[in-house]
Amino acid sequence: MKMILVRRFRVLILMAFLVACALHIVLDLLPKLERSGAQPSGEPGCSCAQPAAEAAAPGWAQARGRPGEPPAAASAAGDAGWPNKHTLRILQDFSSDPSSNLTSHSLEKLPPAAEPVEGALPGQDPGALRPLDPGHRPLLRGHGTRGPVPPPGPSGDGSLLARLFQHPLYQAAIPPLTEDDVLFNVNSDIRFNPKAAAAAAAENPDWPHEGPEDEFLPTGDTAVDSYPNWLKFHIGINRYELYSRHNPAVEALLRDLGAQKITSVAMKSGGTQLKLIMTFQNYGQALFKPMKQMREQETPPDFFYFSDYERHNAEIAAFHLDRILDFRRVPPVAGRMVNMTKEIRDVTRDKKLWRTFFISPANNICFYGECSYYCSTEHALCGRPDQIEGSLAAFLPDLALAKRKTWRNPWRRSYHKRKKAEWEVDPDYCEEVKQTPPYDSSHRILDVMDMTIFDFLMGNMDRHHYETFEKFGNKTFIIHLDNGRGFGKYSHDELSILVPLQQCCRIRRSTYLRLQLLAKEEYKLSLLMAESLRRDRVAPVLYRPHLEALDRRLRVVLQAVRDCVEKNGLPGVVEDDLSPEHRASAGR
């Protein structure tokens, strides 16, 4: 009798297992069955010219069911809206490695979420936003049709930027380039082959490829001038700069970032906040950071630097500031208004991203994606009704083609709510740094000083690592990546960012002279930034007090250098990098 009961129990267990397997199979087949029986009902995306509910209803009725239906319940039917055309390649990097493009790392867990404050908007972090004055007009531009946008960069009569870039300080030539000084040795007789790029990308399982390979091909010209602008930018990188002062490909690339057709979207793995990888019609790629805050909203004083939002407009402004300072170490970044349905949801193959789209109670299209922090329904990114503003940063060459080395910033912060870093408690910390390779040579320590000044002007406290191109060894520039936590406060100058300059008391003569020039009324930094940013598609990029803060912080930097000169003498502080002897030996 006991054996019979045991056998019956085993049979029940087996039947339960078979029923569970059958249910899984049915659930997997359900989306395909629904797709085969579904009839198209019109354009799934909504248009700016239509009311949000009316425009979004056709496509979302099938994929989402009712607006109040949770995302998980409708994910099975969501495949009906998947696109079928993707052109991807391997010439740009979006790996999850810490050394990949524009990543953000915070090693400290965030503090608990703040209690909701009165007047907070749905889908936004109430702890990160201050209630706005009802009479305060937001700086976000409308999502209607925009007029023609003039080319970015300095141009035209009376341009202050044009005058600046004609100044002798902005005319100094870099040393002659050898084969070892350029990132890529290009044969100008070999044309760009998008078929090969797409085929190579298709071999990577993370980059699915569908559709005819001949679609969206560039011209078949063999000259280097026929290369897409992102490739011209890549082949222009050398030991001394990411791009030359007058490289027309950079201006063209900025226009591409703001206007090229988006053919594929995927979430960027790694980092603390949501970022998207966008692939364009010409096989270029860029990192998209969506707008999370209004421009006039400051970081609350009780927020730690590692728990703040990343700002899309800070990425845009950082590129322009870097160019005005003549560092040219930030990849090109441009602002853009993106249609969340037609240019993100309808072209993505990332199911995890697709399933996070929903319609808000205000009939706006929203999504939140997946990331370490701020990726939830409470922190959703919502359009107006389906338009969202963001920054697009051009990718650097793929790590497989141009390896980069990641360095820990010697003045990295502790990323802890109570613990301080060594440099914060040891006034002689720089002496220890200068005895450690590669900082035992003046070139790298001077690059760190340039980066320190750049970060102080922006108010960026999040410079934990930096990168260099491995091919050029230790005698090359620092790439100024990941600037999203700049321009958070305009009413406060974070003097701790300047500690490296104050401790080491070293600066390049070229940097010092340019800072002095930008402090003059005829070349005022705030006016130059305003002119440079005015040509971006999402202008105004910076809130006016941020521009005024740049002038104030510039005076602080110059005073810090003067204090060093008084203490150590001019030759002990300012290194003459403008002499012919120095330029001849630079980078060798």
Protein backbone atom coordinates (compact mmCIF):
# COMPACT_ATOMS: atom_id res chain seq x y z
CA MET A 1 0.00 0.00 0.00
CA LYS A 2 2.84 2.35 0.90
CA MET A 3 4.57 1.70 -2.43
CA ILE A 4 1.36 2.48 -4.32
CA LEU A 5 1.06 5.84 -2.53
CA VAL A 6 4.69 6.65 -3.34
CA ARG A 7 4.14 5.86 -7.01
CA ARG A 8 0.97 7.97 -7.13
CA PHE A 9 2.85 10.86 -5.53
CA ARG A 10 5.60 10.61 -8.13
CA VAL A 11 3.01 10.57 -10.91
CA LEU A 12 1.40 13.74 -9.49
CA ILE A 13 4.77 15.46 -9.33
CA LEU A 14 5.49 14.50 -12.94
CA MET A 15 2.09 15.73 -14.10
CA ALA A 16 2.57 19.04 -12.30
CA PHE A 17 5.95 19.45 -13.99
CA LEU A 18 4.44 18.70 -17.42
CA VAL A 19 1.61 21.21 -16.84
CA ALA A 20 4.15 23.89 -15.87
CA CYS A 21 6.19 23.21 -19.01
CA ALA A 22 3.05 23.42 -21.14
CA LEU A 23 2.13 26.76 -19.61
CA HIS A 24 5.59 28.15 -20.35
CA ILE A 25 5.35 26.99 -23.97
CA VAL A 26 1.92 28.60 -24.36
CA LEU A 27 3.15 31.88 -22.89
CA ASP A 28 6.12 31.89 -25.28
CA LEU A 29 3.92 31.21 -28.30
CA LEU A 30 1.20 33.71 -27.35
CA PRO A 31 2.98 36.81 -28.74
CA LYS A 32 3.57 35.10 -32.09
CA LEU A 33 -0.04 33.96 -32.30
CA GLU A 34 -1.27 37.45 -31.49
CA ARG A 35 1.06 38.98 -34.08
CA SER A 36 -0.15 36.64 -36.78
CA GLY A 37 -3.79 37.48 -36.05
CA ALA A 38 -3.35 41.20 -35.50
CA GLN A 39 -4.39 43.68 -38.18
CA PRO A 40 -2.46 46.95 -38.58
CA SER A 41 -4.38 49.93 -37.33
CA GLY A 42 -2.25 52.83 -38.47
CA GLU A 43 0.89 54.63 -37.39
CA PRO A 44 1.92 53.56 -33.87
CA GLY A 45 3.77 56.78 -33.08
CA CYS A 46 2.09 59.98 -32.02
CA SER A 47 2.63 63.34 -33.66
CA CYS A 48 3.26 66.69 -32.07
CA ALA A 49 0.45 68.24 -34.07
CA GLN A 50 -2.16 65.87 -32.61
CA PRO A 51 -3.52 65.57 -29.10
CA ALA A 52 -1.51 63.04 -27.16
CA ALA A 53 -4.34 60.63 -26.45
CA GLU A 54 -5.62 60.61 -30.03
CA ALA A 55 -2.17 60.28 -31.59
CA ALA A 56 -0.99 57.52 -29.31
CA ALA A 57 -4.17 55.47 -29.30
CA PRO A 58 -3.81 53.40 -32.52
CA GLY A 59 -0.39 51.91 -31.91
CA TRP A 60 -0.71 51.63 -28.17
CA ALA A 61 -4.16 50.06 -28.27
CA GLN A 62 -2.65 46.86 -29.56
CA ALA A 63 0.67 46.94 -27.77
CA ARG A 64 -0.49 48.27 -24.42
CA GLY A 65 -4.17 47.50 -24.05
CA ARG A 66 -5.69 50.18 -21.80
CA PRO A 67 -3.55 53.16 -20.69
CA GLY A 68 -3.86 52.05 -17.09
CA GLU A 69 -2.65 48.52 -17.82
CA PRO A 70 0.74 47.80 -16.20
CA PRO A 71 3.70 47.37 -18.56
CA ALA A 72 4.24 43.72 -17.68
CA ALA A 73 0.67 42.78 -18.59
CA ALA A 74 1.03 44.17 -22.09
CA SER A 75 4.56 43.04 -22.86
CA ALA A 76 3.38 39.90 -24.62
CA ALA A 77 1.60 41.88 -27.28
CA GLY A 78 4.36 44.43 -27.56
CA ASP A 79 6.29 42.65 -30.29
CA ALA A 80 3.78 43.90 -32.84
CA GLY A 81 5.54 47.23 -32.93
CA TRP A 82 9.11 45.96 -33.42
CA PRO A 83 10.97 47.46 -36.38
CA ASN A 84 12.64 45.26 -38.93
CA LYS A 85 15.58 47.41 -40.07
CA HIS A 86 18.81 47.76 -38.13
CA THR A 87 22.19 48.84 -39.42
CA LEU A 88 24.90 48.34 -36.83
CA ARG A 89 28.68 48.25 -36.90
CA ILE A 90 31.74 47.66 -34.76
CA LEU A 91 33.62 50.90 -35.35
CA GLN A 92 32.46 52.58 -32.14
CA ASP A 93 32.51 51.53 -28.53
CA PHE A 94 29.54 51.05 -26.24
CA SER A 95 30.86 48.27 -24.02
CA SER A 96 29.94 48.01 -20.36
CA ASP A 97 33.59 48.07 -19.36
CA PRO A 98 34.53 50.88 -16.97
CA SER A 99 36.80 52.27 -19.65
CA SER A 100 34.05 52.60 -22.23
CA ASN A 101 32.62 55.83 -23.56
CA LEU A 102 31.06 58.27 -21.16
CA THR A 103 30.29 55.93 -18.30
CA SER A 104 29.35 57.08 -14.85
CA HIS A 105 30.24 55.21 -11.69
CA SER A 106 29.20 55.95 -8.13
CA LEU A 107 30.60 53.51 -5.59
CA GLU A 108 28.50 54.77 -2.72
CA LYS A 109 24.90 53.65 -2.29
CA LEU A 110 22.47 56.48 -2.56
CA PRO A 111 20.75 57.85 0.52
CA PRO A 112 17.09 56.89 1.02
CA ALA A 113 14.65 58.70 -1.21
CA ALA A 114 13.38 61.94 0.21
CA GLU A 115 9.77 62.40 1.16
CA PRO A 116 7.65 63.93 -1.61
CA VAL A 117 7.58 67.70 -1.46
CA GLU A 118 4.62 69.85 -2.23
CA GLY A 119 4.44 70.83 -5.86
CA ALA A 120 6.61 67.97 -7.19
CA LEU A 121 5.69 66.82 -10.66
CA PRO A 122 4.65 63.22 -11.47
CA GLY A 123 7.48 61.05 -12.77
CA GLN A 124 10.21 63.20 -11.23
CA ASP A 125 12.31 62.75 -8.14
CA PRO A 126 10.74 65.13 -5.62
CA GLY A 127 13.90 65.21 -3.56
CA ALA A 128 15.92 66.45 -6.54
CA LEU A 129 13.61 69.28 -7.56
CA ARG A 130 12.80 72.55 -5.94
CA PRO A 131 9.29 73.99 -6.26
CA LEU A 132 9.39 76.58 -9.00
CA ASP A 133 8.08 80.09 -8.78
CA PRO A 134 4.73 80.14 -10.63
CA GLY A 135 5.89 83.20 -12.51
CA HIS A 136 9.13 81.52 -13.61
CA ARG A 137 9.05 80.59 -17.28
CA PRO A 138 10.78 77.27 -18.03
CA LEU A 139 13.64 77.32 -20.49
CA LEU A 140 12.54 74.17 -22.31
CA ARG A 141 11.72 75.04 -25.89
CA GLY A 142 8.43 74.04 -27.42
CA HIS A 143 8.28 70.83 -29.42
CA GLY A 144 6.80 72.35 -32.54
CA THR A 145 8.57 72.84 -35.84
CA ARG A 146 11.78 74.78 -35.47
CA GLY A 147 13.24 77.20 -37.93
CA PRO A 148 16.47 76.53 -39.77
CA VAL A 149 19.41 76.16 -37.42
CA PRO A 150 22.68 77.86 -38.43
CA PRO A 151 25.79 75.71 -38.41
CA PRO A 152 27.39 75.35 -34.99
CA GLY A 153 30.66 77.03 -34.22
CA PRO A 154 32.19 80.42 -34.80
CA SER A 155 31.26 82.12 -38.01
CA GLY A 156 29.94 85.37 -39.36
CA ASP A 157 30.98 88.99 -39.10
CA GLY A 158 31.27 90.40 -35.61
CA SER A 159 31.60 86.97 -34.05
CA LEU A 160 33.41 87.11 -30.72
CA LEU A 161 34.32 83.44 -31.11
CA ALA A 162 35.85 84.08 -34.52
CA ARG A 163 37.99 86.85 -33.04
CA LEU A 164 39.04 84.59 -30.17
CA PHE A 165 40.12 81.76 -32.44
CA GLN A 166 42.14 84.20 -34.55
CA HIS A 167 44.10 85.31 -31.49
CA PRO A 168 47.78 84.21 -31.54
CA LEU A 169 47.22 82.05 -28.45
CA TYR A 170 44.82 79.97 -30.55
CA GLN A 171 47.16 79.73 -33.53
CA ALA A 172 50.07 77.81 -32.00
CA ALA A 173 50.79 74.74 -34.11
CA ILE A 174 51.23 71.25 -32.71
CA PRO A 175 54.51 69.41 -33.48
CA PRO A 176 54.74 67.63 -36.85
CA LEU A 177 52.88 64.32 -36.77
CA THR A 178 54.59 60.99 -37.40
CA GLU A 179 52.94 57.62 -37.87
CA ASP A 180 53.25 57.03 -34.14
CA ASP A 181 51.43 60.30 -33.39
CA VAL A 182 48.17 59.55 -35.21
CA LEU A 183 45.58 57.13 -33.92
CA PHE A 184 44.88 55.62 -37.36
CA ASN A 185 47.14 55.44 -40.40
CA VAL A 186 44.64 55.90 -43.23
CA ASN A 187 45.10 54.93 -46.85
CA SER A 188 43.19 57.65 -48.67
CA ASP A 189 42.68 55.34 -51.67
CA ILE A 190 40.57 52.90 -49.62
CA ARG A 191 36.94 53.87 -49.36
CA PHE A 192 34.66 53.36 -46.40
CA ASN A 193 32.78 50.09 -46.88
CA PRO A 194 29.49 50.13 -44.95
CA LYS A 195 28.69 46.59 -46.12
CA ALA A 196 31.77 45.25 -44.38
CA ALA A 197 31.00 47.31 -41.29
CA ALA A 198 27.44 46.02 -41.12
CA ALA A 199 28.53 42.43 -41.78
CA ALA A 200 31.16 42.58 -39.06
CA ALA A 201 28.63 44.05 -36.64
CA ALA A 202 26.20 41.26 -37.46
CA GLU A 203 28.75 38.70 -36.24
CA ASN A 204 28.40 40.11 -32.73
CA PRO A 205 25.33 38.54 -31.06
CA ASP A 206 24.69 41.74 -29.12
CA TRP A 207 24.15 43.67 -32.36
CA PRO A 208 21.36 41.97 -34.37
CA HIS A 209 21.14 42.91 -38.03
CA GLU A 210 18.16 42.63 -40.33
CA GLY A 211 17.19 43.99 -43.69
CA PRO A 212 19.15 44.52 -46.91
CA GLU A 213 22.75 45.56 -46.43
CA ASP A 214 22.57 48.06 -49.30
CA GLU A 215 20.07 50.23 -47.44
CA PHE A 216 21.30 53.65 -46.17
CA LEU A 217 24.71 53.27 -47.87
CA PRO A 218 26.90 56.37 -48.24
CA THR A 219 28.24 57.37 -51.61
CA GLY A 220 30.75 55.12 -53.30
CA ASP A 221 33.40 57.81 -53.72
CA THR A 222 36.94 56.71 -52.95
CA ALA A 223 38.27 60.01 -51.54
CA VAL A 224 38.60 60.58 -47.81
CA ASP A 225 36.20 63.51 -48.23
CA SER A 226 33.43 61.02 -48.93
CA TYR A 227 33.81 59.40 -45.51
CA PRO A 228 30.99 59.99 -43.01
CA ASN A 229 31.75 62.78 -40.57
CA TRP A 230 32.08 60.48 -37.56
CA LEU A 231 34.84 58.58 -39.38
CA LYS A 232 36.60 61.82 -40.33
CA PHE A 233 36.51 62.75 -36.64
CA HIS A 234 38.05 59.40 -35.70
CA ILE A 235 40.90 59.54 -38.20
CA GLY A 236 41.72 63.10 -37.09
CA ILE A 237 42.60 62.03 -33.53
CA ASN A 238 46.30 62.31 -32.71
CA ARG A 239 48.65 62.38 -29.74
CA TYR A 240 47.92 66.04 -28.95
CA GLU A 241 44.20 66.56 -29.58
CA LEU A 242 40.88 64.89 -30.28
CA TYR A 243 40.32 67.29 -33.17
CA SER A 244 42.13 70.23 -34.71
CA ARG A 245 40.96 73.80 -34.18
CA HIS A 246 39.61 74.27 -37.69
CA ASN A 247 38.53 70.73 -38.58
CA PRO A 248 35.31 71.15 -40.63
CA ALA A 249 34.32 67.56 -39.85
CA VAL A 250 33.62 68.54 -36.24
CA GLU A 251 31.06 71.18 -37.23
CA ALA A 252 29.51 68.75 -39.70
CA LEU A 253 29.43 66.03 -37.03
CA LEU A 254 27.57 68.37 -34.67
CA ARG A 255 24.96 68.88 -37.38
CA ASP A 256 24.73 65.12 -37.91
CA LEU A 257 24.13 64.54 -34.20
CA GLY A 258 21.21 66.93 -34.31
CA ALA A 259 19.64 65.82 -37.59
CA GLN A 260 20.70 62.33 -38.74
CA LYS A 261 17.95 59.71 -38.92
CA ILE A 262 18.03 57.34 -35.94
CA THR A 263 17.84 53.71 -37.07
CA SER A 264 18.50 51.79 -33.84
CA VAL A 265 18.39 52.38 -30.07
CA ALA A 266 19.70 50.30 -27.18
CA MET A 267 20.29 50.90 -23.48
CA LYS A 268 23.87 51.53 -22.38
CA SER A 269 24.88 48.95 -19.82
CA GLY A 270 26.69 50.08 -16.70
CA GLY A 271 26.54 53.45 -15.03
CA THR A 272 24.13 54.79 -12.47
CA GLN A 273 21.59 56.52 -14.70
CA LEU A 274 19.81 55.75 -17.95
CA LYS A 275 21.73 56.36 -21.17
CA LEU A 276 20.82 55.19 -24.67
CA ILE A 277 23.03 54.20 -27.59
CA MET A 278 21.66 55.62 -30.82
CA THR A 279 22.77 54.45 -34.25
CA PHE A 280 22.30 56.75 -37.23
CA GLN A 281 21.59 56.26 -40.89
CA ASN A 282 25.26 56.81 -41.77
CA TYR A 283 26.39 54.10 -39.30
CA GLY A 284 27.53 56.67 -36.74
CA GLN A 285 26.63 56.23 -33.10
CA ALA A 286 26.15 58.54 -30.14
CA LEU A 287 25.32 58.37 -26.47
CA PHE A 288 21.95 59.92 -25.62
CA LYS A 289 21.37 61.45 -22.19
CA PRO A 290 17.76 62.55 -21.72
CA MET A 291 16.65 65.71 -19.98
CA LYS A 292 15.83 65.14 -16.31
CA GLN A 293 15.67 68.66 -14.86
CA MET A 294 14.78 72.17 -15.89
CA ARG A 295 17.80 74.37 -16.51
CA GLU A 296 17.18 76.71 -13.59
CA GLN A 297 16.93 73.93 -11.00
CA GLU A 298 19.99 73.81 -8.80
CA THR A 299 21.27 70.76 -6.98
CA PRO A 300 19.76 70.95 -3.47
CA PRO A 301 22.40 71.83 -0.85
CA ASP A 302 21.77 68.63 1.10
CA PHE A 303 22.51 66.39 -1.89
CA PHE A 304 25.79 64.49 -2.07
CA TYR A 305 27.75 64.90 -5.30
CA PHE A 306 27.34 61.21 -6.12
CA SER A 307 23.54 61.22 -5.77
CA ASP A 308 22.77 64.10 -8.11
CA TYR A 309 21.10 63.80 -11.50
CA GLU A 310 23.25 63.88 -14.60
CA ARG A 311 22.34 66.82 -16.79
CA HIS A 312 22.12 66.59 -20.55
CA ASN A 313 22.81 70.31 -20.97
CA ALA A 314 25.99 69.97 -18.89
CA GLU A 315 27.35 67.53 -21.50
CA ILE A 316 26.60 70.04 -24.26
CA ALA A 317 28.07 73.00 -22.39
CA ALA A 318 31.19 71.00 -21.42
CA PHE A 319 32.07 70.45 -25.08
CA HIS A 320 31.79 74.17 -25.84
CA LEU A 321 33.74 75.19 -22.74
CA ASP A 322 36.48 72.68 -23.53
CA ARG A 323 36.79 74.10 -27.06
CA ILE A 324 36.88 77.71 -25.84
CA LEU A 325 39.65 76.79 -23.38
CA ASP A 326 41.46 75.26 -26.40
CA PHE A 327 41.86 71.87 -24.72
CA ARG A 328 39.82 70.03 -27.39
CA ARG A 329 39.59 66.90 -25.24
CA VAL A 330 35.79 66.45 -25.12
CA PRO A 331 34.14 64.51 -27.98
CA PRO A 332 31.56 66.58 -29.92
CA VAL A 333 28.17 66.86 -28.20
CA ALA A 334 24.94 68.38 -29.53
CA GLY A 335 21.42 68.80 -28.23
CA ARG A 336 18.39 67.35 -29.94
CA MET A 337 14.62 66.96 -29.58
CA VAL A 338 13.78 63.27 -30.01
CA ASN A 339 10.42 61.69 -30.81
CA MET A 340 10.07 59.00 -28.13
CA THR A 341 7.81 56.76 -30.20
CA LYS A 342 9.20 57.05 -33.73
CA GLU A 343 12.88 57.49 -32.78
CA ILE A 344 13.16 55.33 -29.66
CA ARG A 345 10.31 52.89 -29.06
CA ASP A 346 9.66 51.96 -32.69
CA VAL A 347 13.32 51.39 -33.62
CA THR A 348 14.63 49.59 -30.53
CA ARG A 349 15.28 45.86 -30.32
CA ASP A 350 15.90 46.12 -26.60
CA LYS A 351 12.86 44.43 -25.05
CA LYS A 352 13.80 45.58 -21.57
CA LEU A 353 13.67 49.17 -22.75
CA TRP A 354 10.52 48.65 -24.85
CA ARG A 355 8.55 47.22 -21.93
CA THR A 356 9.12 50.31 -19.79
CA PHE A 357 7.11 52.61 -22.08
CA PHE A 358 3.71 53.74 -20.84
CA ILE A 359 1.22 56.61 -21.10
CA SER A 360 1.08 58.90 -18.08
CA PRO A 361 -2.17 60.22 -16.57
CA ALA A 362 -1.43 63.46 -18.44
CA ASN A 363 -1.45 61.50 -21.74
CA ASN A 364 2.30 61.92 -22.25
CA ILE A 365 4.52 59.12 -23.51
CA CYS A 366 6.96 58.00 -20.79
CA PHE A 367 9.66 55.38 -20.25
CA TYR A 368 12.24 54.63 -17.57
CA GLY A 369 14.52 51.84 -18.81
CA GLU A 370 16.93 49.96 -16.55
CA CYS A 371 19.88 51.34 -14.57
CA SER A 372 21.30 51.36 -11.05
CA TYR A 373 19.36 54.41 -9.88
CA TYR A 374 16.51 56.62 -11.07
CA CYS A 375 15.06 53.95 -13.38
CA SER A 376 11.55 53.37 -12.08
CA THR A 377 8.02 54.56 -12.69
CA GLU A 378 8.59 57.27 -10.08
CA HIS A 379 11.55 58.61 -12.08
CA ALA A 380 10.11 58.11 -15.56
CA LEU A 381 11.15 60.33 -18.45
CA CYS A 382 8.04 61.83 -20.03
CA GLY A 383 7.63 63.68 -23.29
CA ARG A 384 5.44 66.61 -24.29
CA PRO A 385 3.52 64.59 -25.41
CA ASP A 386 6.12 62.43 -27.13
CA GLN A 387 9.05 64.84 -27.60
CA ILE A 388 12.00 64.68 -25.21
CA GLU A 389 15.13 66.78 -25.14
CA GLY A 390 18.56 65.28 -24.69
CA SER A 391 22.25 65.42 -25.52
CA LEU A 392 24.00 63.27 -28.10
CA ALA A 393 27.73 62.69 -27.60
CA ALA A 394 29.75 61.29 -30.50
CA PHE A 395 31.40 57.98 -29.75
CA LEU A 396 35.14 57.50 -29.72
CA PRO A 397 36.61 54.68 -31.83
CA ASP A 398 35.80 51.19 -30.65
CA LEU A 399 38.12 49.73 -28.04
CA ALA A 400 38.94 46.88 -30.40
CA LEU A 401 40.47 49.40 -32.80
CA ALA A 402 41.87 52.00 -30.40
CA LYS A 403 42.43 50.76 -26.87
CA ARG A 404 42.13 53.24 -24.05
CA LYS A 405 43.67 53.03 -20.61
CA THR A 406 41.63 53.95 -17.56
CA TRP A 407 43.41 55.80 -14.75
CA ARG A 408 42.21 56.44 -11.23
CA ASN A 409 42.20 60.18 -10.57
CA PRO A 410 44.72 60.84 -7.76
CA TRP A 411 42.30 63.44 -6.38
CA ARG A 412 39.33 61.11 -6.57
CA ARG A 413 36.72 61.65 -3.86
CA SER A 414 35.83 58.97 -1.32
CA TYR A 415 32.24 58.52 -2.55
CA HIS A 416 31.28 58.08 1.07
CA LYS A 417 28.94 60.16 3.22
CA ARG A 418 31.45 60.47 6.09
CA LYS A 419 34.87 59.24 5.00
CA LYS A 420 37.33 61.72 3.48
CA ALA A 421 39.91 61.00 0.80
CA GLU A 422 43.63 61.23 1.62
CA TRP A 423 44.12 64.45 -0.35
CA GLU A 424 41.46 66.15 1.78
CA VAL A 425 43.44 65.65 5.01
CA ASP A 426 47.08 65.74 3.80
CA PRO A 427 48.24 69.17 2.57
CA ASP A 428 51.44 67.61 1.16
CA TYR A 429 49.57 64.99 -0.83
CA CYS A 430 50.76 66.36 -4.19
CA GLU A 431 54.40 65.67 -3.30
CA GLU A 432 53.52 61.98 -2.98
CA VAL A 433 51.65 62.03 -6.28
CA LYS A 434 54.59 63.63 -8.13
CA GLN A 435 56.84 60.77 -7.05
CA THR A 436 54.49 58.18 -8.58
CA PRO A 437 54.53 57.32 -12.32
CA PRO A 438 53.21 58.71 -14.61
CA TYR A 439 52.94 61.88 -12.50
CA ASP A 440 56.71 61.98 -11.94
CA SER A 441 56.96 63.65 -15.35
CA SER A 442 55.53 67.14 -15.77
CA HIS A 443 53.31 66.35 -18.78
CA ARG A 444 50.68 64.28 -16.95
CA ILE A 445 50.52 66.44 -13.84
CA LEU A 446 49.93 69.49 -16.06
CA ASP A 447 47.13 67.65 -17.83
CA VAL A 448 45.54 66.96 -14.44
CA MET A 449 45.80 70.68 -13.64
CA ASP A 450 44.01 71.51 -16.91
CA MET A 451 41.29 69.01 -16.02
CA THR A 452 41.02 70.49 -12.52
CA ILE A 453 40.44 73.99 -13.91
CA PHE A 454 37.93 72.64 -16.42
CA ASP A 455 35.99 70.84 -13.67
CA PHE A 456 36.05 73.82 -11.30
CA LEU A 457 34.59 76.13 -13.93
CA MET A 458 31.73 73.64 -14.41
CA GLY A 459 31.38 72.70 -10.73
CA ASN A 460 31.94 69.01 -11.54
CA MET A 461 32.91 66.97 -8.45
CA ASP A 462 32.52 63.56 -10.12
CA ARG A 463 35.93 63.10 -11.79
CA HIS A 464 36.80 59.70 -10.33
CA HIS A 465 38.66 58.25 -13.35
CA TYR A 466 40.01 59.48 -16.64
CA GLU A 467 41.17 57.84 -19.87
CA THR A 468 44.01 58.09 -22.38
CA PHE A 469 44.65 56.38 -25.70
CA GLU A 470 46.93 53.42 -25.07
CA LYS A 471 48.80 53.81 -28.36
CA PHE A 472 50.34 57.12 -27.28
CA GLY A 473 51.65 55.89 -23.94
CA ASN A 474 51.93 58.34 -21.05
CA LYS A 475 52.78 61.42 -23.11
CA THR A 476 49.36 62.30 -24.44
CA PHE A 477 46.29 64.26 -23.38
CA ILE A 478 43.58 63.25 -20.92
CA ILE A 479 40.17 62.67 -22.51
CA HIS A 480 37.53 64.74 -20.70
CA LEU A 481 34.63 62.26 -20.65
CA ASP A 482 31.43 62.12 -18.61
CA ASN A 483 30.62 65.71 -17.66
CA GLY A 484 26.95 65.27 -16.79
CA ARG A 485 27.36 66.33 -13.18
CA GLY A 486 28.66 69.75 -14.07
CA PHE A 487 26.65 72.98 -13.99
CA GLY A 488 24.52 71.80 -11.08
CA LYS A 489 24.96 74.89 -8.90
CA TYR A 490 25.36 78.48 -10.01
CA SER A 491 25.14 80.08 -6.55
CA HIS A 492 27.98 78.05 -5.03
CA ASP A 493 31.62 77.60 -6.02
CA GLU A 494 33.01 74.25 -4.83
CA LEU A 495 36.54 75.26 -3.83
CA SER A 496 37.56 71.67 -3.03
CA ILE A 497 37.70 70.98 -6.78
CA LEU A 498 40.66 73.40 -6.99
CA VAL A 499 42.72 71.55 -4.35
CA PRO A 500 45.01 69.81 -6.93
CA LEU A 501 46.02 73.20 -8.36
CA GLN A 502 46.50 74.70 -4.89
CA GLN A 503 48.57 71.75 -3.65
CA CYS A 504 50.76 71.27 -6.74
CA CYS A 505 51.03 74.92 -7.85
CA ARG A 506 51.76 73.94 -11.47
CA ILE A 507 50.13 75.19 -14.67
CA ARG A 508 51.01 75.43 -18.36
CA ARG A 509 51.89 78.88 -19.64
CA SER A 510 49.50 78.45 -22.56
CA THR A 511 46.65 77.61 -20.19
CA TYR A 512 47.49 80.51 -17.88
CA LEU A 513 47.62 83.03 -20.74
CA ARG A 514 44.31 81.83 -22.18
CA LEU A 515 42.64 82.10 -18.78
CA GLN A 516 43.92 85.66 -18.46
CA LEU A 517 42.64 86.44 -21.95
CA LEU A 518 39.17 85.03 -21.15
CA ALA A 519 39.00 87.21 -18.04
CA LYS A 520 39.23 90.40 -20.13
CA GLU A 521 36.07 92.28 -21.04
CA GLU A 522 36.74 92.02 -24.78
CA TYR A 523 36.97 88.20 -24.54
CA LYS A 524 34.65 87.55 -21.62
CA LEU A 525 34.15 83.83 -21.02
CA SER A 526 30.42 84.10 -20.36
CA LEU A 527 29.85 85.99 -23.63
CA LEU A 528 31.90 83.46 -25.61
CA MET A 529 29.96 80.57 -24.09
CA ALA A 530 26.64 82.28 -24.77
CA GLU A 531 27.54 82.78 -28.43
CA SER A 532 28.86 79.25 -28.85
CA LEU A 533 25.82 77.65 -27.18
CA ARG A 534 23.33 79.84 -29.04
CA ARG A 535 23.70 77.75 -32.17
CA ASP A 536 22.73 74.48 -30.54
CA ARG A 537 19.31 73.06 -31.42
CA VAL A 538 18.12 73.09 -27.80
CA ALA A 539 19.37 76.61 -26.99
CA PRO A 540 19.39 78.20 -24.51
CA VAL A 541 21.59 75.44 -23.14
CA LEU A 542 22.59 77.09 -19.85
CA TYR A 543 20.56 79.14 -17.40
CA ARG A 544 21.92 82.70 -17.35
CA PRO A 545 23.34 82.53 -13.77
CA HIS A 546 25.52 79.59 -14.84
CA LEU A 547 27.17 81.81 -17.46
CA GLU A 548 27.78 84.50 -14.86
CA ALA A 549 29.23 81.88 -12.51
CA LEU A 550 31.85 81.03 -15.16
CA ASP A 551 33.29 84.56 -14.97
CA ARG A 552 33.29 84.47 -11.18
CA ARG A 553 35.03 81.09 -11.02
CA LEU A 554 37.58 82.15 -13.61
CA ARG A 555 38.66 84.94 -11.28
CA VAL A 556 38.99 82.40 -8.46
CA VAL A 557 41.29 80.24 -10.60
CA LEU A 558 43.50 83.18 -11.53
CA GLN A 559 43.74 84.20 -7.90
CA ALA A 560 44.79 80.67 -6.95
CA VAL A 561 47.59 80.82 -9.55
CA ARG A 562 48.70 84.25 -8.27
CA ASP A 563 48.85 82.85 -4.72
CA CYS A 564 51.08 80.05 -5.98
CA VAL A 565 53.34 82.53 -7.81
CA GLU A 566 53.73 84.62 -4.67
CA LYS A 567 54.72 81.51 -2.75
CA ASN A 568 56.96 79.71 -5.27
CA GLY A 569 57.88 82.28 -7.90
CA LEU A 570 56.73 82.41 -11.52
CA PRO A 571 59.27 79.87 -12.94
CA GLY A 572 58.35 77.37 -10.23
CA VAL A 573 54.64 77.54 -11.06
CA VAL A 574 54.25 78.29 -14.78
CA GLU A 575 55.85 75.85 -17.23
CA ASP A 576 56.65 77.41 -20.58
CA ASP A 577 55.10 75.09 -23.15
CA LEU A 578 55.11 77.74 -25.90
CA SER A 579 58.84 77.84 -26.54
CA PRO A 580 60.06 76.20 -29.78
CA GLU A 581 62.29 73.85 -27.77
CA HIS A 582 59.37 72.65 -25.70
CA ARG A 583 57.07 72.15 -28.71
CA ALA A 584 59.80 70.20 -30.51
CA SER A 585 60.18 67.80 -27.60
CA ALA A 586 56.50 67.59 -26.68
CA GLY A 587 55.08 64.09 -26.78
CA ARG A 588 58.42 62.51 -27.57
